């Protein structure tokens, strides 16, 4: 069982770093992509983003710092901006 509430995409969301079968197996309710805004490689890869499941996706390149707060039962996720 590989399910998780949150999945942090590896390799800044590059096509070579994300295995879609793994993403489906994790079956996360939230996905976080950490990438620098206007990075020279163009991460995250648009094809990777478009292939992600229909769940909330938080991206540091678009939203800045992502805050995750949990009381042990509930999780709140929000961008800092």
C-alpha atoms as a PDB file:
ATOM      1  CA  UNK A   1       0.000   0.000   0.000  1.00  0.00           C
ATOM      2  CA  UNK A   2       1.670   3.194  -1.180  1.00  0.00           C
ATOM      3  CA  UNK A   3      -1.179   5.617  -0.592  1.00  0.00           C
ATOM      4  CA  UNK A   4      -0.341   8.943   1.028  1.00  0.00           C
ATOM      5  CA  UNK A   5      -2.182  12.130   1.828  1.00  0.00           C
ATOM      6  CA  UNK A   6       0.544  14.323   0.282  1.00  0.00           C
ATOM      7  CA  UNK A   7       2.919  13.583  -2.585  1.00  0.00           C
ATOM      8  CA  UNK A   8       5.942  15.801  -3.153  1.00  0.00           C
ATOM      9  CA  UNK A   9       6.908  15.316  -6.799  1.00  0.00           C
ATOM     10  CA  UNK A  10      10.553  14.376  -7.272  1.00  0.00           C
ATOM     11  CA  UNK A  11      13.058  16.255  -9.445  1.00  0.00           C
ATOM     12  CA  UNK A  12      11.062  19.518  -9.509  1.00  0.00           C
ATOM     13  CA  UNK A  13       8.426  17.862 -11.697  1.00  0.00           C
ATOM     14  CA  UNK A  14      10.748  16.965 -14.592  1.00  0.00           C
ATOM     15  CA  UNK A  15       9.561  14.335 -17.049  1.00  0.00           C
ATOM     16  CA  UNK A  16      12.586  12.128 -16.334  1.00  0.00           C
ATOM     17  CA  UNK A  17      11.989  12.275 -12.578  1.00  0.00           C
ATOM     18  CA  UNK A  18       8.270  11.520 -12.351  1.00  0.00           C
ATOM     19  CA  UNK A  19       6.860   8.056 -12.968  1.00  0.00           C
ATOM     20  CA  UNK A  20       3.123   8.347 -13.602  1.00  0.00           C
ATOM     21  CA  UNK A  21       2.527   4.768 -12.408  1.00  0.00           C
ATOM     22  CA  UNK A  22       4.097   5.747  -9.075  1.00  0.00           C
ATOM     23  CA  UNK A  23       1.936   8.880  -8.869  1.00  0.00           C
ATOM     24  CA  UNK A  24      -1.192   6.762  -9.462  1.00  0.00           C
ATOM     25  CA  UNK A  25      -0.059   4.151  -6.903  1.00  0.00           C
ATOM     26  CA  UNK A  26       0.438   6.805  -4.212  1.00  0.00           C
ATOM     27  CA  UNK A  27      -3.067   8.110  -4.901  1.00  0.00           C
ATOM     28  CA  UNK A  28      -2.371  11.310  -2.952  1.00  0.00           C
ATOM     29  CA  UNK A  29      -5.059  13.801  -2.075  1.00  0.00           C
ATOM     30  CA  UNK A  30      -2.627  16.717  -2.470  1.00  0.00           C
ATOM     31  CA  UNK A  31       0.421  17.144  -4.709  1.00  0.00           C
ATOM     32  CA  UNK A  32       3.270  19.574  -4.049  1.00  0.00           C
ATOM     33  CA  UNK A  33       5.724  20.628  -6.750  1.00  0.00           C
ATOM     34  CA  UNK A  34       8.833  22.467  -5.647  1.00  0.00           C
ATOM     35  CA  UNK A  35      10.391  24.443  -8.486  1.00  0.00           C
ATOM     36  CA  UNK A  36      12.045  27.815  -8.846  1.00  0.00           C
ATOM     37  CA  UNK A  37      10.089  30.527 -10.636  1.00  0.00           C
ATOM     38  CA  UNK A  38      11.407  31.181 -14.181  1.00  0.00           C
ATOM     39  CA  UNK A  39      14.011  28.441 -13.884  1.00  0.00           C
ATOM     40  CA  UNK A  40      16.102  27.903 -17.030  1.00  0.00           C
ATOM     41  CA  UNK A  41      15.007  24.271 -17.524  1.00  0.00           C
ATOM     42  CA  UNK A  42      11.311  25.123 -17.517  1.00  0.00           C
ATOM     43  CA  UNK A  43      10.446  22.887 -14.577  1.00  0.00           C
ATOM     44  CA  UNK A  44       7.954  21.576 -13.839  1.00  0.00           C
ATOM     45  CA  UNK A  45       7.362  19.907 -17.190  1.00  0.00           C
ATOM     46  CA  UNK A  46       3.928  20.930 -18.536  1.00  0.00           C
ATOM     47  CA  UNK A  47       3.260  17.346 -19.684  1.00  0.00           C
ATOM     48  CA  UNK A  48       3.874  16.095 -16.132  1.00  0.00           C
ATOM     49  CA  UNK A  49       1.514  18.698 -14.662  1.00  0.00           C
ATOM     50  CA  UNK A  50      -1.180  17.933 -17.255  1.00  0.00           C
ATOM     51  CA  UNK A  51      -0.954  14.189 -16.510  1.00  0.00           C
ATOM     52  CA  UNK A  52      -1.441  14.594 -12.743  1.00  0.00           C
ATOM     53  CA  UNK A  53      -4.687  13.398 -11.178  1.00  0.00           C
ATOM     54  CA  UNK A  54      -7.487  15.847 -10.455  1.00  0.00           C
ATOM     55  CA  UNK A  55      -6.413  16.788  -6.918  1.00  0.00           C
ATOM     56  CA  UNK A  56      -5.210  20.092  -5.447  1.00  0.00           C
ATOM     57  CA  UNK A  57      -1.708  20.891  -6.727  1.00  0.00           C
ATOM     58  CA  UNK A  58       0.461  23.400  -4.897  1.00  0.00           C
ATOM     59  CA  UNK A  59       3.440  24.816  -6.815  1.00  0.00           C
ATOM     60  CA  UNK A  60       6.204  26.899  -5.288  1.00  0.00           C
ATOM     61  CA  UNK A  61       7.039  28.430  -8.686  1.00  0.00           C
ATOM     62  CA  UNK A  62       3.534  29.921  -8.824  1.00  0.00           C
ATOM     63  CA  UNK A  63       2.527  30.283  -5.172  1.00  0.00           C
ATOM     64  CA  UNK A  64       5.780  30.651  -3.240  1.00  0.00           C
ATOM     65  CA  UNK A  65       6.229  28.917   0.095  1.00  0.00           C
ATOM     66  CA  UNK A  66       3.631  26.272   0.867  1.00  0.00           C
ATOM     67  CA  UNK A  67       2.581  25.895   4.516  1.00  0.00           C
ATOM     68  CA  UNK A  68       1.289  22.566   5.805  1.00  0.00           C
ATOM     69  CA  UNK A  69      -0.142  22.485   9.294  1.00  0.00           C
ATOM     70  CA  UNK A  70      -1.517  19.401  11.036  1.00  0.00           C
ATOM     71  CA  UNK A  71      -2.944  18.723  14.458  1.00  0.00           C
ATOM     72  CA  UNK A  72      -2.395  14.995  13.943  1.00  0.00           C
ATOM     73  CA  UNK A  73      -5.804  14.453  12.386  1.00  0.00           C
ATOM     74  CA  UNK A  74      -6.521  17.323  10.004  1.00  0.00           C
ATOM     75  CA  UNK A  75      -4.150  18.894   7.496  1.00  0.00           C
ATOM     76  CA  UNK A  76      -4.355  22.473   6.305  1.00  0.00           C
ATOM     77  CA  UNK A  77      -2.335  23.448   3.241  1.00  0.00           C
ATOM     78  CA  UNK A  78      -1.990  27.009   2.009  1.00  0.00           C
ATOM     79  CA  UNK A  79       0.477  29.111   0.078  1.00  0.00           C
ATOM     80  CA  UNK A  80       2.233  31.815   2.078  1.00  0.00           C
ATOM     81  CA  UNK A  81       1.116  34.565  -0.285  1.00  0.00           C
END
